[in-house]
Amino acid sequence: MSALSDYLNAHIPPGWSKRDVIRELEGTLDRTTVYRYLAGTHSRTPPEFVLNAFATALGCSIVELRDAAGAATGEEEPWEPPPEANRLNRGQRDALAAFIRATVNADSSPEEAAAAARTVGVGGVLAQMRAYVEQLRQTGQGELADRLEASLESTNIASETASKSSKT
């Protein structure tokens, strides 16, 4: 069993069976996934949608679920960017999404951080991200800038390698 599965099992409502949990999650998670999480044979890093589904179905705290999963706990309510975010173009939105992933995954392994950052290597998004790294440094957030820059470098190396191998 894992800490997450222990938490999930402890929060099954009184009188519910595992089948009741599956029924409650029907249409959101398949039965095999539900059984894996309840048995502790699930992924080491559960996706947010899985945690959200369990939190909703079991009526428990998403913050506590993330904690049990060993993930960054964050907040209970979803983050909503300010209305001005609608002015961002696709590249800027992608860059911001990559920044958020890199920040949330700051404690992940370099391989996981590189995988999360690979989505950045498209067109001018990489240049926008580098400009953002420079802004972070100028505002005294050097550690965060270093992590983001390392993710960008991993992405750049991975995309160059993929580009070279596709040409041969």
N, C-alpha and C. Protein backbone atom coordinates (compact mmCIF):
# COMPACT_ATOMS: atom_id res chain seq x y z
N MET A 1 0.84 -1.18 0.00
CA MET A 1 0.00 0.00 0.00
C MET A 1 0.88 1.24 0.00
N SER A 2 0.35 2.29 -0.55
CA SER A 2 1.04 3.57 -0.56
C SER A 2 0.31 4.52 0.39
N ALA A 3 0.97 5.63 0.71
CA ALA A 3 0.32 6.63 1.57
C ALA A 3 -0.96 7.15 0.90
N LEU A 4 -0.93 7.28 -0.43
CA LEU A 4 -2.11 7.75 -1.14
C LEU A 4 -3.24 6.72 -1.05
N SER A 5 -2.94 5.46 -1.28
CA SER A 5 -4.01 4.46 -1.20
C SER A 5 -4.53 4.32 0.23
N ASP A 6 -3.63 4.45 1.21
CA ASP A 6 -4.08 4.44 2.61
C ASP A 6 -5.06 5.58 2.86
N TYR A 7 -4.73 6.76 2.35
CA TYR A 7 -5.60 7.93 2.51
C TYR A 7 -6.95 7.69 1.83
N LEU A 8 -6.89 7.21 0.57
CA LEU A 8 -8.14 6.98 -0.17
C LEU A 8 -9.03 5.98 0.56
N ASN A 9 -8.45 4.87 1.00
CA ASN A 9 -9.24 3.85 1.69
C ASN A 9 -9.81 4.37 3.00
N ALA A 10 -9.06 5.22 3.69
CA ALA A 10 -9.54 5.78 4.96
C ALA A 10 -10.68 6.78 4.74
N HIS A 11 -10.81 7.30 3.52
CA HIS A 11 -11.83 8.30 3.25
C HIS A 11 -13.01 7.77 2.42
N ILE A 12 -13.08 6.45 2.25
CA ILE A 12 -14.27 5.88 1.62
C ILE A 12 -15.42 6.08 2.60
N PRO A 13 -16.51 6.66 2.14
CA PRO A 13 -17.63 6.93 3.06
C PRO A 13 -18.11 5.66 3.76
N PRO A 14 -18.55 5.79 5.00
CA PRO A 14 -19.05 4.63 5.75
C PRO A 14 -20.17 3.92 4.97
N GLY A 15 -20.07 2.60 4.94
CA GLY A 15 -21.07 1.80 4.25
C GLY A 15 -20.80 1.59 2.77
N TRP A 16 -19.80 2.26 2.23
CA TRP A 16 -19.46 2.09 0.82
C TRP A 16 -18.49 0.93 0.65
N SER A 17 -18.65 0.21 -0.45
CA SER A 17 -17.70 -0.82 -0.85
C SER A 17 -16.82 -0.23 -1.96
N LYS A 18 -15.81 -0.97 -2.37
CA LYS A 18 -14.98 -0.50 -3.48
C LYS A 18 -15.82 -0.37 -4.75
N ARG A 19 -16.83 -1.23 -4.89
CA ARG A 19 -17.73 -1.13 -6.05
C ARG A 19 -18.49 0.19 -6.04
N ASP A 20 -18.85 0.66 -4.86
CA ASP A 20 -19.54 1.96 -4.76
C ASP A 20 -18.62 3.09 -5.20
N VAL A 21 -17.36 2.98 -4.85
CA VAL A 21 -16.38 3.99 -5.27
C VAL A 21 -16.26 3.97 -6.79
N ILE A 22 -16.17 2.78 -7.37
CA ILE A 22 -16.10 2.65 -8.84
C ILE A 22 -17.34 3.25 -9.48
N ARG A 23 -18.49 2.96 -8.94
CA ARG A 23 -19.74 3.49 -9.48
C ARG A 23 -19.74 5.03 -9.42
N GLU A 24 -19.26 5.57 -8.32
CA GLU A 24 -19.21 7.03 -8.16
C GLU A 24 -18.25 7.68 -9.17
N LEU A 25 -17.20 6.96 -9.54
CA LEU A 25 -16.20 7.50 -10.47
C LEU A 25 -16.47 7.11 -11.92
N GLU A 26 -17.55 6.37 -12.16
CA GLU A 26 -17.90 5.94 -13.51
C GLU A 26 -18.00 7.14 -14.45
N GLY A 27 -17.38 7.02 -15.60
CA GLY A 27 -17.37 8.11 -16.56
C GLY A 27 -16.21 9.07 -16.36
N THR A 28 -15.53 8.95 -15.22
CA THR A 28 -14.38 9.81 -14.94
C THR A 28 -13.09 8.99 -14.95
N LEU A 29 -13.10 7.88 -14.20
CA LEU A 29 -11.95 6.96 -14.16
C LEU A 29 -12.46 5.55 -14.43
N ASP A 30 -11.65 4.75 -15.13
CA ASP A 30 -12.07 3.38 -15.37
C ASP A 30 -11.83 2.54 -14.12
N ARG A 31 -12.52 1.43 -14.04
CA ARG A 31 -12.49 0.58 -12.84
C ARG A 31 -11.08 0.08 -12.51
N THR A 32 -10.28 -0.23 -13.53
CA THR A 32 -8.92 -0.71 -13.28
C THR A 32 -8.09 0.36 -12.57
N THR A 33 -8.23 1.60 -13.01
CA THR A 33 -7.51 2.71 -12.38
C THR A 33 -7.93 2.85 -10.93
N VAL A 34 -9.23 2.80 -10.68
CA VAL A 34 -9.73 2.93 -9.31
C VAL A 34 -9.16 1.82 -8.44
N TYR A 35 -9.22 0.58 -8.92
CA TYR A 35 -8.68 -0.55 -8.14
C TYR A 35 -7.19 -0.37 -7.87
N ARG A 36 -6.43 0.10 -8.88
CA ARG A 36 -4.98 0.30 -8.68
C ARG A 36 -4.70 1.31 -7.57
N TYR A 37 -5.44 2.40 -7.59
CA TYR A 37 -5.21 3.44 -6.58
C TYR A 37 -5.63 2.96 -5.19
N LEU A 38 -6.71 2.22 -5.11
CA LEU A 38 -7.14 1.72 -3.81
C LEU A 38 -6.21 0.63 -3.29
N ALA A 39 -5.57 -0.12 -4.20
CA ALA A 39 -4.66 -1.20 -3.81
C ALA A 39 -3.22 -0.72 -3.62
N GLY A 40 -2.91 0.48 -4.06
CA GLY A 40 -1.55 1.00 -3.91
C GLY A 40 -0.62 0.59 -5.03
N THR A 41 -1.15 0.12 -6.15
CA THR A 41 -0.32 -0.29 -7.29
C THR A 41 -0.40 0.73 -8.41
N HIS A 42 -0.58 1.97 -8.05
CA HIS A 42 -0.77 3.06 -9.00
C HIS A 42 0.56 3.71 -9.36
N SER A 43 0.48 4.67 -10.28
CA SER A 43 1.63 5.46 -10.71
C SER A 43 2.23 6.20 -9.52
N ARG A 44 3.55 6.39 -9.56
CA ARG A 44 4.24 7.11 -8.49
C ARG A 44 3.86 8.59 -8.47
N THR A 45 3.52 9.11 -9.64
CA THR A 45 3.13 10.52 -9.75
C THR A 45 1.75 10.60 -10.40
N PRO A 46 0.71 10.52 -9.59
CA PRO A 46 -0.65 10.53 -10.15
C PRO A 46 -0.99 11.85 -10.82
N PRO A 47 -1.66 11.78 -11.97
CA PRO A 47 -2.08 13.01 -12.64
C PRO A 47 -3.11 13.77 -11.82
N GLU A 48 -3.15 15.06 -12.02
CA GLU A 48 -4.06 15.93 -11.27
C GLU A 48 -5.52 15.52 -11.48
N PHE A 49 -5.88 15.10 -12.70
CA PHE A 49 -7.28 14.75 -12.94
C PHE A 49 -7.71 13.54 -12.13
N VAL A 50 -6.78 12.62 -11.85
CA VAL A 50 -7.10 11.45 -11.03
C VAL A 50 -7.34 11.90 -9.59
N LEU A 51 -6.46 12.73 -9.07
CA LEU A 51 -6.63 13.22 -7.71
C LEU A 51 -7.92 14.02 -7.57
N ASN A 52 -8.22 14.86 -8.55
CA ASN A 52 -9.46 15.63 -8.53
C ASN A 52 -10.68 14.72 -8.53
N ALA A 53 -10.64 13.67 -9.34
CA ALA A 53 -11.77 12.74 -9.41
C ALA A 53 -12.02 12.08 -8.06
N PHE A 54 -10.95 11.60 -7.43
CA PHE A 54 -11.11 10.97 -6.11
C PHE A 54 -11.59 11.98 -5.07
N ALA A 55 -11.03 13.19 -5.10
CA ALA A 55 -11.44 14.21 -4.12
C ALA A 55 -12.94 14.50 -4.24
N THR A 56 -13.42 14.61 -5.47
CA THR A 56 -14.84 14.89 -5.69
C THR A 56 -15.70 13.71 -5.26
N ALA A 57 -15.30 12.51 -5.69
CA ALA A 57 -16.12 11.32 -5.40
C ALA A 57 -16.17 11.00 -3.91
N LEU A 58 -15.05 11.18 -3.22
CA LEU A 58 -14.98 10.82 -1.80
C LEU A 58 -15.25 11.99 -0.88
N GLY A 59 -15.37 13.19 -1.46
CA GLY A 59 -15.64 14.37 -0.64
C GLY A 59 -14.49 14.71 0.29
N CYS A 60 -13.27 14.51 -0.19
CA CYS A 60 -12.11 14.81 0.65
C CYS A 60 -11.30 15.96 0.05
N SER A 61 -10.31 16.40 0.77
CA SER A 61 -9.50 17.55 0.40
C SER A 61 -8.49 17.20 -0.69
N ILE A 62 -8.48 17.98 -1.78
CA ILE A 62 -7.49 17.79 -2.83
C ILE A 62 -6.09 18.09 -2.31
N VAL A 63 -5.96 19.05 -1.40
CA VAL A 63 -4.66 19.37 -0.82
C VAL A 63 -4.12 18.18 -0.03
N GLU A 64 -4.98 17.54 0.76
CA GLU A 64 -4.56 16.36 1.52
C GLU A 64 -4.23 15.20 0.59
N LEU A 65 -4.99 15.05 -0.48
CA LEU A 65 -4.70 13.99 -1.45
C LEU A 65 -3.34 14.21 -2.10
N ARG A 66 -3.06 15.44 -2.52
CA ARG A 66 -1.74 15.74 -3.11
C ARG A 66 -0.63 15.44 -2.12
N ASP A 67 -0.84 15.81 -0.86
CA ASP A 67 0.15 15.55 0.17
C ASP A 67 0.38 14.04 0.32
N ALA A 68 -0.69 13.27 0.36
CA ALA A 68 -0.57 11.82 0.47
C ALA A 68 0.14 11.22 -0.74
N ALA A 69 -0.01 11.87 -1.90
CA ALA A 69 0.63 11.40 -3.13
C ALA A 69 2.09 11.86 -3.22
N GLY A 70 2.51 12.71 -2.27
CA GLY A 70 3.89 13.22 -2.30
C GLY A 70 4.09 14.31 -3.33
N ALA A 71 2.99 14.98 -3.72
CA ALA A 71 3.06 16.06 -4.70
C ALA A 71 2.98 17.40 -3.99
N ALA A 72 3.31 18.46 -4.73
CA ALA A 72 3.13 19.81 -4.20
C ALA A 72 1.65 19.97 -3.84
N THR A 73 1.38 20.51 -2.66
CA THR A 73 0.01 20.54 -2.18
C THR A 73 -0.85 21.63 -2.80
N GLY A 74 -0.30 22.79 -3.06
CA GLY A 74 -1.07 23.85 -3.69
C GLY A 74 -2.24 24.32 -2.84
N GLU A 75 -3.30 24.68 -3.48
CA GLU A 75 -4.49 25.23 -2.85
C GLU A 75 -5.70 24.36 -3.18
N GLU A 76 -6.76 24.50 -2.39
CA GLU A 76 -7.99 23.75 -2.64
C GLU A 76 -8.67 24.18 -3.95
N GLU A 77 -8.79 25.49 -4.15
CA GLU A 77 -9.52 25.97 -5.32
C GLU A 77 -8.58 26.10 -6.52
N PRO A 78 -9.11 25.86 -7.73
CA PRO A 78 -8.28 26.01 -8.93
C PRO A 78 -7.82 27.45 -9.10
N TRP A 79 -6.64 27.62 -9.66
CA TRP A 79 -6.11 28.95 -9.93
C TRP A 79 -6.75 29.47 -11.21
N GLU A 80 -7.21 30.70 -11.15
CA GLU A 80 -7.76 31.34 -12.33
C GLU A 80 -6.91 32.56 -12.63
N PRO A 81 -6.30 32.56 -13.81
CA PRO A 81 -5.48 33.73 -14.15
C PRO A 81 -6.35 34.97 -14.26
N PRO A 82 -5.73 36.13 -14.13
CA PRO A 82 -6.51 37.37 -14.25
C PRO A 82 -7.09 37.50 -15.67
N PRO A 83 -8.14 38.27 -15.83
CA PRO A 83 -8.78 38.41 -17.15
C PRO A 83 -7.81 38.87 -18.25
N GLU A 84 -6.78 39.61 -17.86
CA GLU A 84 -5.79 40.08 -18.85
C GLU A 84 -5.06 38.93 -19.54
N ALA A 85 -5.09 37.75 -18.94
CA ALA A 85 -4.43 36.59 -19.55
C ALA A 85 -5.04 36.26 -20.90
N ASN A 86 -6.27 36.68 -21.15
CA ASN A 86 -6.91 36.43 -22.44
C ASN A 86 -6.23 37.19 -23.57
N ARG A 87 -5.38 38.14 -23.23
CA ARG A 87 -4.65 38.91 -24.25
C ARG A 87 -3.39 38.19 -24.72
N LEU A 88 -3.03 37.11 -24.04
CA LEU A 88 -1.82 36.37 -24.42
C LEU A 88 -2.06 35.61 -25.72
N ASN A 89 -1.02 35.57 -26.57
CA ASN A 89 -1.13 34.77 -27.78
C ASN A 89 -0.78 33.31 -27.47
N ARG A 90 -0.93 32.43 -28.43
CA ARG A 90 -0.71 30.99 -28.21
C ARG A 90 0.70 30.73 -27.69
N GLY A 91 1.70 31.37 -28.25
CA GLY A 91 3.07 31.16 -27.80
C GLY A 91 3.28 31.57 -26.36
N GLN A 92 2.72 32.70 -25.99
CA GLN A 92 2.84 33.19 -24.61
C GLN A 92 2.11 32.26 -23.65
N ARG A 93 0.95 31.77 -24.06
CA ARG A 93 0.20 30.84 -23.21
C ARG A 93 0.99 29.54 -23.01
N ASP A 94 1.58 29.05 -24.10
CA ASP A 94 2.39 27.83 -23.99
C ASP A 94 3.60 28.05 -23.08
N ALA A 95 4.21 29.22 -23.21
CA ALA A 95 5.36 29.54 -22.37
C ALA A 95 4.96 29.61 -20.90
N LEU A 96 3.83 30.23 -20.63
CA LEU A 96 3.35 30.33 -19.25
C LEU A 96 3.00 28.95 -18.70
N ALA A 97 2.37 28.12 -19.51
CA ALA A 97 2.04 26.75 -19.08
C ALA A 97 3.31 25.97 -18.77
N ALA A 98 4.34 26.12 -19.60
CA ALA A 98 5.61 25.44 -19.36
C ALA A 98 6.27 25.95 -18.08
N PHE A 99 6.18 27.26 -17.86
CA PHE A 99 6.73 27.85 -16.64
C PHE A 99 6.02 27.28 -15.41
N ILE A 100 4.70 27.19 -15.47
CA ILE A 100 3.94 26.65 -14.34
C ILE A 100 4.35 25.20 -14.09
N ARG A 101 4.45 24.40 -15.16
CA ARG A 101 4.87 23.00 -14.98
C ARG A 101 6.26 22.92 -14.36
N ALA A 102 7.19 23.74 -14.85
CA ALA A 102 8.56 23.72 -14.32
C ALA A 102 8.57 24.12 -12.85
N THR A 103 7.76 25.09 -12.48
CA THR A 103 7.69 25.54 -11.10
C THR A 103 7.10 24.46 -10.20
N VAL A 104 5.99 23.88 -10.62
CA VAL A 104 5.33 22.85 -9.82
C VAL A 104 6.21 21.61 -9.72
N ASN A 105 6.93 21.30 -10.78
CA ASN A 105 7.78 20.10 -10.80
C ASN A 105 9.20 20.39 -10.35
N ALA A 106 9.41 21.49 -9.63
CA ALA A 106 10.76 21.88 -9.23
C ALA A 106 11.47 20.80 -8.43
N ASP A 107 10.72 20.01 -7.68
CA ASP A 107 11.34 18.96 -6.87
C ASP A 107 11.46 17.65 -7.62
N SER A 108 11.06 17.63 -8.89
CA SER A 108 11.13 16.39 -9.66
C SER A 108 12.55 16.16 -10.14
N SER A 109 12.78 14.98 -10.68
CA SER A 109 14.11 14.64 -11.18
C SER A 109 14.40 15.46 -12.43
N PRO A 110 15.67 15.59 -12.81
CA PRO A 110 16.00 16.33 -14.03
C PRO A 110 15.30 15.74 -15.26
N GLU A 111 15.15 14.42 -15.30
CA GLU A 111 14.49 13.78 -16.44
C GLU A 111 13.02 14.20 -16.52
N GLU A 112 12.33 14.23 -15.35
CA GLU A 112 10.93 14.64 -15.33
C GLU A 112 10.79 16.11 -15.69
N ALA A 113 11.70 16.94 -15.21
CA ALA A 113 11.66 18.36 -15.53
C ALA A 113 11.89 18.58 -17.03
N ALA A 114 12.83 17.82 -17.62
CA ALA A 114 13.10 17.93 -19.05
C ALA A 114 11.88 17.49 -19.86
N ALA A 115 11.24 16.42 -19.44
CA ALA A 115 10.05 15.95 -20.14
C ALA A 115 8.94 16.99 -20.09
N ALA A 116 8.76 17.62 -18.93
CA ALA A 116 7.73 18.65 -18.79
C ALA A 116 8.06 19.85 -19.66
N ALA A 117 9.34 20.13 -19.84
CA ALA A 117 9.73 21.30 -20.60
C ALA A 117 9.79 21.07 -22.11
N ARG A 118 9.74 19.83 -22.57
CA ARG A 118 9.85 19.55 -24.01
C ARG A 118 8.76 20.23 -24.84
N THR A 119 7.64 20.50 -24.23
CA THR A 119 6.55 21.14 -24.96
C THR A 119 6.88 22.58 -25.30
N VAL A 120 7.95 23.11 -24.74
CA VAL A 120 8.30 24.51 -24.95
C VAL A 120 9.04 24.73 -26.27
N GLY A 121 9.69 23.72 -26.81
CA GLY A 121 10.61 23.91 -27.92
C GLY A 121 9.99 24.23 -29.26
N VAL A 122 8.92 24.98 -29.32
CA VAL A 122 8.26 25.29 -30.57
C VAL A 122 8.44 26.77 -30.89
N GLY A 123 8.91 27.05 -32.11
CA GLY A 123 9.00 28.42 -32.62
C GLY A 123 9.58 29.43 -31.65
N GLY A 124 8.90 30.55 -31.52
CA GLY A 124 9.37 31.66 -30.69
C GLY A 124 9.11 31.48 -29.21
N VAL A 125 8.47 30.38 -28.83
CA VAL A 125 8.16 30.17 -27.42
C VAL A 125 9.45 30.07 -26.61
N LEU A 126 10.44 29.39 -27.16
CA LEU A 126 11.72 29.24 -26.46
C LEU A 126 12.36 30.60 -26.22
N ALA A 127 12.31 31.47 -27.20
CA ALA A 127 12.88 32.81 -27.03
C ALA A 127 12.11 33.59 -25.97
N GLN A 128 10.79 33.45 -25.94
CA GLN A 128 9.99 34.12 -24.92
C GLN A 128 10.34 33.60 -23.53
N MET A 129 10.57 32.31 -23.44
CA MET A 129 10.92 31.74 -22.15
C MET A 129 12.29 32.25 -21.69
N ARG A 130 13.23 32.36 -22.61
CA ARG A 130 14.55 32.88 -22.24
C ARG A 130 14.44 34.33 -21.74
N ALA A 131 13.59 35.11 -22.39
CA ALA A 131 13.37 36.49 -21.95
C ALA A 131 12.76 36.50 -20.55
N TYR A 132 11.87 35.55 -20.30
CA TYR A 132 11.25 35.48 -18.98
C TYR A 132 12.28 35.08 -17.92
N VAL A 133 13.20 34.19 -18.27
CA VAL A 133 14.28 33.80 -17.34
C VAL A 133 15.08 35.04 -16.96
N GLU A 134 15.36 35.88 -17.95
CA GLU A 134 16.12 37.10 -17.68
C GLU A 134 15.34 38.03 -16.75
N GLN A 135 14.04 38.13 -16.93
CA GLN A 135 13.21 38.94 -16.04
C GLN A 135 13.24 38.39 -14.62
N LEU A 136 13.20 37.08 -14.49
CA LEU A 136 13.27 36.47 -13.15
C LEU A 136 14.58 36.85 -12.46
N ARG A 137 15.68 36.78 -13.20
CA ARG A 137 16.98 37.15 -12.62
C ARG A 137 16.99 38.61 -12.18
N GLN A 138 16.42 39.47 -12.99
CA GLN A 138 16.41 40.90 -12.68
C GLN A 138 15.55 41.21 -11.46
N THR A 139 14.60 40.36 -11.17
CA THR A 139 13.73 40.60 -10.00
C THR A 139 14.19 39.81 -8.78
N GLY A 140 15.41 39.26 -8.84
CA GLY A 140 15.98 38.57 -7.69
C GLY A 140 15.52 37.14 -7.49
N GLN A 141 14.93 36.54 -8.51
CA GLN A 141 14.46 35.15 -8.40
C GLN A 141 15.41 34.22 -9.16
N GLY A 142 16.68 34.28 -8.79
CA GLY A 142 17.73 33.54 -9.47
C GLY A 142 17.56 32.03 -9.42
N GLU A 143 17.14 31.52 -8.27
CA GLU A 143 16.99 30.07 -8.15
C GLU A 143 15.92 29.54 -9.10
N LEU A 144 14.80 30.21 -9.16
CA LEU A 144 13.74 29.81 -10.07
C LEU A 144 14.20 29.97 -11.52
N ALA A 145 14.93 31.05 -11.81
CA ALA A 145 15.46 31.27 -13.15
C ALA A 145 16.41 30.14 -13.54
N ASP A 146 17.25 29.70 -12.61
CA ASP A 146 18.19 28.61 -12.88
C ASP A 146 17.45 27.32 -13.22
N ARG A 147 16.39 27.01 -12.45
CA ARG A 147 15.62 25.78 -12.71
C ARG A 147 14.94 25.84 -14.08
N LEU A 148 14.36 26.99 -14.37
CA LEU A 148 13.68 27.14 -15.65
C LEU A 148 14.67 27.08 -16.80
N GLU A 149 15.81 27.72 -16.63
CA GLU A 149 16.83 27.71 -17.66
C GLU A 149 17.36 26.29 -17.90
N ALA A 150 17.54 25.52 -16.82
CA ALA A 150 17.98 24.13 -16.96
C ALA A 150 16.95 23.31 -17.74
N SER A 151 15.68 23.55 -17.46
CA SER A 151 14.62 22.86 -18.21
C SER A 151 14.66 23.25 -19.68
N LEU A 152 14.90 24.52 -19.95
CA LEU A 152 14.97 24.98 -21.33
C LEU A 152 16.16 24.38 -22.05
N GLU A 153 17.29 24.30 -21.36
CA GLU A 153 18.47 23.70 -21.97
C GLU A 153 18.24 22.24 -22.30
N SER A 154 17.60 21.51 -21.38
CA SER A 154 17.28 20.11 -21.63
C SER A 154 16.37 19.98 -22.84
N THR A 155 15.42 20.89 -22.95
CA THR A 155 14.50 20.87 -24.08
C THR A 155 15.24 21.15 -25.37
N ASN A 156 16.11 22.14 -25.34
CA ASN A 156 16.85 22.52 -26.53
C ASN A 156 17.75 21.37 -26.99
N ILE A 157 18.44 20.72 -26.05
CA ILE A 157 19.31 19.59 -26.39
C ILE A 157 18.48 18.45 -26.96
N ALA A 158 17.35 18.16 -26.34
CA ALA A 158 16.49 17.07 -26.79
C ALA A 158 15.96 17.37 -28.19
N SER A 159 15.56 18.62 -28.46
CA SER A 159 15.00 18.94 -29.76
C SER A 159 16.10 18.93 -30.83
N GLU A 160 17.33 19.38 -30.48
CA GLU A 160 18.43 19.33 -31.43
C GLU A 160 18.78 17.89 -31.78
N THR A 161 18.80 17.00 -30.76
CA THR A 161 19.10 15.60 -30.97
C THR A 161 18.04 14.96 -31.87
N ALA A 162 16.78 15.24 -31.60
CA ALA A 162 15.68 14.69 -32.39
C ALA A 162 15.77 15.21 -33.83
N SER A 163 16.11 16.48 -33.99
CA SER A 163 16.22 17.08 -35.31
C SER A 163 17.34 16.42 -36.10
N LYS A 164 18.50 16.21 -35.46
CA LYS A 164 19.64 15.58 -36.12
C LYS A 164 19.32 14.15 -36.51
N SER A 165 18.67 13.39 -35.64
CA SER A 165 18.39 11.99 -35.96
C SER A 165 17.32 11.86 -37.03
N SER A 166 16.43 12.85 -37.17
CA SER A 166 15.41 12.76 -38.21
C SER A 166 16.01 13.10 -39.58
N LYS A 167 17.14 13.82 -39.59
CA LYS A 167 17.79 14.17 -40.86
C LYS A 167 18.67 13.04 -41.38
N THR A 168 19.06 12.11 -40.50
CA THR A 168 19.94 11.02 -40.94
C THR A 168 19.18 9.81 -41.36
